[in-house]
Amino acid sequence: MHVIAKKRLKAFWERHADAAGALQAWHQEAERADWDNPAQVKQQFPKASIISDCRVVFNIKGNDYRLVVDVWYEGRTVYVKFIGTHAEYDRIDAETVNHG
């Protein structure tokens, strides 16, 4: 999969150094993935929450952080929509957030 907005992930882990390793590991796994559907995402990331056919929430670093993405399966692309602390995540609508 091609991950769009790595810059946003990098900016986040520069502010939250404890998230760097976990976000980098997630990014590497996502880039190597070849998902056709949400079930395959769940198979690789069992703790991920499937919000809709294309929206997925990942727990990062033991659920300290949340990552919301859109997955375009046909185009093999993952779009980062939100990365934040658990408290910040609680203040957004994961179904509609478009950057944060």
N, C-alpha and C. Protein backbone atom coordinates (compact mmCIF):
# COMPACT_ATOMS: atom_id res chain seq x y z
N MET A 1 0.85 -1.17 0.00
CA MET A 1 0.00 0.00 0.00
C MET A 1 0.91 1.24 0.00
N HIS A 2 0.42 2.27 -0.62
CA HIS A 2 1.14 3.54 -0.61
C HIS A 2 0.51 4.43 0.46
N VAL A 3 1.32 4.88 1.40
CA VAL A 3 0.80 5.70 2.50
C VAL A 3 1.00 7.18 2.17
N ILE A 4 -0.11 7.92 2.10
CA ILE A 4 -0.08 9.35 1.82
C ILE A 4 -0.08 10.10 3.15
N ALA A 5 0.79 11.08 3.25
CA ALA A 5 0.89 11.98 4.41
C ALA A 5 1.86 11.46 5.48
N LYS A 6 2.94 10.82 5.03
CA LYS A 6 3.97 10.42 5.99
C LYS A 6 4.52 11.67 6.69
N LYS A 7 4.51 12.79 6.00
CA LYS A 7 4.98 14.05 6.58
C LYS A 7 4.22 14.36 7.87
N ARG A 8 2.92 14.12 7.84
CA ARG A 8 2.08 14.36 9.02
C ARG A 8 2.48 13.41 10.16
N LEU A 9 2.75 12.15 9.83
CA LEU A 9 3.19 11.20 10.84
C LEU A 9 4.52 11.63 11.44
N LYS A 10 5.45 12.03 10.57
CA LYS A 10 6.78 12.46 11.04
C LYS A 10 6.67 13.69 11.94
N ALA A 11 5.86 14.65 11.56
CA ALA A 11 5.67 15.85 12.39
C ALA A 11 5.13 15.46 13.76
N PHE A 12 4.23 14.48 13.78
CA PHE A 12 3.66 14.04 15.05
C PHE A 12 4.72 13.36 15.92
N TRP A 13 5.50 12.45 15.33
CA TRP A 13 6.48 11.75 16.16
C TRP A 13 7.63 12.66 16.57
N GLU A 14 7.84 13.75 15.87
CA GLU A 14 8.84 14.72 16.32
C GLU A 14 8.34 15.47 17.56
N ARG A 15 7.03 15.66 17.69
CA ARG A 15 6.44 16.29 18.88
C ARG A 15 6.23 15.29 20.01
N HIS A 16 6.02 14.03 19.66
CA HIS A 16 5.75 12.96 20.62
C HIS A 16 6.78 11.85 20.36
N ALA A 17 7.99 12.05 20.85
CA ALA A 17 9.10 11.14 20.55
C ALA A 17 8.80 9.69 20.94
N ASP A 18 7.99 9.49 21.97
CA ASP A 18 7.68 8.12 22.39
C ASP A 18 6.83 7.38 21.36
N ALA A 19 6.23 8.09 20.43
CA ALA A 19 5.41 7.47 19.40
C ALA A 19 6.21 7.11 18.15
N ALA A 20 7.44 7.60 18.05
CA ALA A 20 8.22 7.45 16.82
C ALA A 20 8.37 5.99 16.38
N GLY A 21 8.84 5.14 17.25
CA GLY A 21 9.07 3.75 16.88
C GLY A 21 7.80 3.04 16.45
N ALA A 22 6.73 3.25 17.19
CA ALA A 22 5.46 2.59 16.86
C ALA A 22 4.89 3.10 15.54
N LEU A 23 4.96 4.41 15.30
CA LEU A 23 4.45 4.95 14.03
C LEU A 23 5.30 4.52 12.85
N GLN A 24 6.61 4.49 13.04
CA GLN A 24 7.49 4.03 11.97
C GLN A 24 7.22 2.56 11.65
N ALA A 25 7.02 1.75 12.68
CA ALA A 25 6.71 0.33 12.47
C ALA A 25 5.37 0.18 11.75
N TRP A 26 4.35 0.95 12.16
CA TRP A 26 3.06 0.88 11.48
C TRP A 26 3.22 1.27 10.01
N HIS A 27 3.95 2.35 9.76
CA HIS A 27 4.15 2.81 8.38
C HIS A 27 4.82 1.73 7.54
N GLN A 28 5.85 1.11 8.06
CA GLN A 28 6.55 0.06 7.31
C GLN A 28 5.62 -1.11 7.01
N GLU A 29 4.84 -1.52 8.01
CA GLU A 29 3.90 -2.62 7.79
C GLU A 29 2.84 -2.26 6.77
N ALA A 30 2.30 -1.06 6.88
CA ALA A 30 1.27 -0.63 5.93
C ALA A 30 1.82 -0.55 4.51
N GLU A 31 3.04 -0.06 4.37
CA GLU A 31 3.66 0.03 3.03
C GLU A 31 3.87 -1.35 2.42
N ARG A 32 4.14 -2.35 3.25
CA ARG A 32 4.36 -3.71 2.74
C ARG A 32 3.05 -4.47 2.50
N ALA A 33 1.96 -3.97 3.07
CA ALA A 33 0.67 -4.65 2.98
C ALA A 33 0.10 -4.59 1.57
N ASP A 34 -0.83 -5.49 1.31
CA ASP A 34 -1.55 -5.52 0.04
C ASP A 34 -2.99 -5.88 0.34
N TRP A 35 -3.71 -4.96 0.97
CA TRP A 35 -5.07 -5.21 1.43
C TRP A 35 -6.07 -5.07 0.29
N ASP A 36 -6.99 -6.02 0.23
CA ASP A 36 -8.09 -5.98 -0.73
C ASP A 36 -9.40 -5.55 -0.07
N ASN A 37 -9.45 -5.63 1.27
CA ASN A 37 -10.70 -5.37 1.97
C ASN A 37 -10.44 -5.16 3.46
N PRO A 38 -11.44 -4.67 4.20
CA PRO A 38 -11.25 -4.42 5.64
C PRO A 38 -10.89 -5.68 6.43
N ALA A 39 -11.38 -6.84 6.02
CA ALA A 39 -11.06 -8.07 6.74
C ALA A 39 -9.56 -8.36 6.74
N GLN A 40 -8.89 -8.02 5.65
CA GLN A 40 -7.45 -8.23 5.58
C GLN A 40 -6.71 -7.26 6.50
N VAL A 41 -7.24 -6.05 6.64
CA VAL A 41 -6.64 -5.09 7.59
C VAL A 41 -6.75 -5.68 8.99
N LYS A 42 -7.94 -6.17 9.36
CA LYS A 42 -8.17 -6.76 10.68
C LYS A 42 -7.30 -7.98 10.93
N GLN A 43 -7.06 -8.73 9.87
CA GLN A 43 -6.20 -9.91 10.01
C GLN A 43 -4.78 -9.50 10.39
N GLN A 44 -4.29 -8.43 9.78
CA GLN A 44 -2.94 -7.97 10.05
C GLN A 44 -2.87 -7.16 11.33
N PHE A 45 -3.91 -6.37 11.60
CA PHE A 45 -3.97 -5.51 12.79
C PHE A 45 -5.26 -5.83 13.56
N PRO A 46 -5.27 -6.89 14.35
CA PRO A 46 -6.50 -7.33 15.02
C PRO A 46 -7.15 -6.28 15.92
N LYS A 47 -6.38 -5.35 16.44
CA LYS A 47 -6.96 -4.33 17.33
C LYS A 47 -7.44 -3.09 16.59
N ALA A 48 -7.28 -3.07 15.28
CA ALA A 48 -7.79 -1.95 14.49
C ALA A 48 -9.31 -1.96 14.53
N SER A 49 -9.90 -0.76 14.45
CA SER A 49 -11.36 -0.64 14.40
C SER A 49 -11.76 -0.24 12.98
N ILE A 50 -12.62 -1.04 12.38
CA ILE A 50 -13.13 -0.75 11.06
C ILE A 50 -14.36 0.13 11.25
N ILE A 51 -14.28 1.40 10.83
CA ILE A 51 -15.36 2.36 11.02
C ILE A 51 -16.36 2.28 9.85
N SER A 52 -15.83 2.07 8.65
CA SER A 52 -16.65 1.91 7.45
C SER A 52 -15.84 1.08 6.46
N ASP A 53 -16.35 0.92 5.25
CA ASP A 53 -15.62 0.14 4.25
C ASP A 53 -14.22 0.69 4.00
N CYS A 54 -14.05 2.00 4.19
CA CYS A 54 -12.75 2.59 3.87
C CYS A 54 -12.07 3.26 5.07
N ARG A 55 -12.74 3.45 6.17
CA ARG A 55 -12.17 4.18 7.32
C ARG A 55 -11.75 3.20 8.40
N VAL A 56 -10.48 3.34 8.86
CA VAL A 56 -9.92 2.45 9.86
C VAL A 56 -9.22 3.27 10.93
N VAL A 57 -9.35 2.83 12.18
CA VAL A 57 -8.66 3.46 13.31
C VAL A 57 -7.67 2.44 13.87
N PHE A 58 -6.41 2.87 13.96
CA PHE A 58 -5.35 2.02 14.51
C PHE A 58 -4.96 2.53 15.89
N ASN A 59 -4.73 1.59 16.80
CA ASN A 59 -4.17 1.92 18.11
C ASN A 59 -2.66 1.91 17.97
N ILE A 60 -2.03 2.99 18.38
CA ILE A 60 -0.59 3.13 18.26
C ILE A 60 0.02 3.19 19.65
N LYS A 61 1.09 2.45 19.84
CA LYS A 61 1.83 2.41 21.10
C LYS A 61 0.91 2.07 22.27
N GLY A 62 0.32 0.89 22.18
CA GLY A 62 -0.52 0.40 23.26
C GLY A 62 -1.74 1.26 23.52
N ASN A 63 -2.26 1.88 22.47
CA ASN A 63 -3.46 2.71 22.54
C ASN A 63 -3.21 4.08 23.17
N ASP A 64 -1.95 4.48 23.31
CA ASP A 64 -1.65 5.85 23.76
C ASP A 64 -2.05 6.86 22.69
N TYR A 65 -1.95 6.43 21.44
CA TYR A 65 -2.24 7.30 20.30
C TYR A 65 -3.21 6.59 19.37
N ARG A 66 -3.91 7.40 18.59
CA ARG A 66 -4.86 6.86 17.61
C ARG A 66 -4.54 7.43 16.24
N LEU A 67 -4.62 6.57 15.26
CA LEU A 67 -4.36 6.92 13.87
C LEU A 67 -5.61 6.57 13.06
N VAL A 68 -6.17 7.57 12.38
CA VAL A 68 -7.35 7.36 11.54
C VAL A 68 -6.92 7.49 10.09
N VAL A 69 -7.29 6.51 9.28
CA VAL A 69 -6.93 6.52 7.87
C VAL A 69 -8.12 6.16 7.00
N ASP A 70 -8.06 6.58 5.76
CA ASP A 70 -8.95 6.08 4.71
C ASP A 70 -8.12 5.13 3.86
N VAL A 71 -8.72 4.01 3.49
CA VAL A 71 -8.02 3.04 2.65
C VAL A 71 -8.77 2.93 1.32
N TRP A 72 -8.05 3.19 0.26
CA TRP A 72 -8.57 3.00 -1.08
C TRP A 72 -7.97 1.68 -1.58
N TYR A 73 -8.73 0.60 -1.39
CA TYR A 73 -8.23 -0.74 -1.67
C TYR A 73 -7.86 -0.93 -3.13
N GLU A 74 -8.72 -0.49 -4.04
CA GLU A 74 -8.44 -0.67 -5.46
C GLU A 74 -7.18 0.07 -5.90
N GLY A 75 -6.95 1.24 -5.32
CA GLY A 75 -5.77 2.03 -5.67
C GLY A 75 -4.56 1.74 -4.81
N ARG A 76 -4.71 0.80 -3.87
CA ARG A 76 -3.60 0.42 -2.97
C ARG A 76 -3.00 1.62 -2.26
N THR A 77 -3.89 2.48 -1.72
CA THR A 77 -3.46 3.73 -1.10
C THR A 77 -4.12 3.90 0.26
N VAL A 78 -3.33 4.38 1.22
CA VAL A 78 -3.80 4.69 2.57
C VAL A 78 -3.59 6.18 2.80
N TYR A 79 -4.64 6.90 3.18
CA TYR A 79 -4.57 8.33 3.42
C TYR A 79 -4.68 8.59 4.92
N VAL A 80 -3.66 9.23 5.49
CA VAL A 80 -3.69 9.58 6.91
C VAL A 80 -4.65 10.75 7.08
N LYS A 81 -5.66 10.56 7.94
CA LYS A 81 -6.66 11.59 8.19
C LYS A 81 -6.49 12.25 9.55
N PHE A 82 -5.94 11.51 10.53
CA PHE A 82 -5.78 12.04 11.88
C PHE A 82 -4.75 11.20 12.62
N ILE A 83 -3.91 11.87 13.38
CA ILE A 83 -3.04 11.20 14.35
C ILE A 83 -3.06 12.07 15.60
N GLY A 84 -3.30 11.45 16.73
CA GLY A 84 -3.36 12.23 17.97
C GLY A 84 -3.34 11.35 19.19
N THR A 85 -3.32 12.00 20.33
CA THR A 85 -3.39 11.27 21.60
C THR A 85 -4.79 10.67 21.73
N HIS A 86 -4.91 9.79 22.68
CA HIS A 86 -6.22 9.20 22.93
C HIS A 86 -7.23 10.29 23.32
N ALA A 87 -6.80 11.25 24.14
CA ALA A 87 -7.69 12.35 24.55
C ALA A 87 -8.10 13.21 23.35
N GLU A 88 -7.16 13.50 22.44
CA GLU A 88 -7.50 14.27 21.24
C GLU A 88 -8.48 13.49 20.36
N TYR A 89 -8.26 12.19 20.25
CA TYR A 89 -9.15 11.34 19.47
C TYR A 89 -10.58 11.39 20.02
N ASP A 90 -10.70 11.42 21.34
CA ASP A 90 -12.03 11.46 21.96
C ASP A 90 -12.81 12.73 21.59
N ARG A 91 -12.12 13.76 21.12
CA ARG A 91 -12.76 15.02 20.78
C ARG A 91 -13.12 15.16 19.29
N ILE A 92 -12.79 14.15 18.50
CA ILE A 92 -13.08 14.22 17.05
C ILE A 92 -14.13 13.19 16.67
N ASP A 93 -14.66 13.32 15.48
CA ASP A 93 -15.54 12.31 14.92
C ASP A 93 -14.71 11.49 13.93
N ALA A 94 -14.38 10.27 14.31
CA ALA A 94 -13.50 9.44 13.50
C ALA A 94 -14.07 9.15 12.11
N GLU A 95 -15.37 9.24 11.98
CA GLU A 95 -16.00 8.97 10.68
C GLU A 95 -15.81 10.10 9.68
N THR A 96 -15.61 11.33 10.18
CA THR A 96 -15.56 12.48 9.28
C THR A 96 -14.27 13.29 9.34
N VAL A 97 -13.42 13.05 10.34
CA VAL A 97 -12.21 13.86 10.48
C VAL A 97 -11.39 13.79 9.19
N ASN A 98 -10.82 14.92 8.82
CA ASN A 98 -10.10 14.99 7.57
C ASN A 98 -8.70 15.57 7.72
N HIS A 99 -8.22 15.76 8.85
CA HIS A 99 -6.85 16.17 9.18
C HIS A 99 -6.91 16.68 10.60
N GLY A 100 -5.87 16.41 11.32
CA GLY A 100 -5.88 16.89 12.69
C GLY A 100 -4.61 16.63 13.40
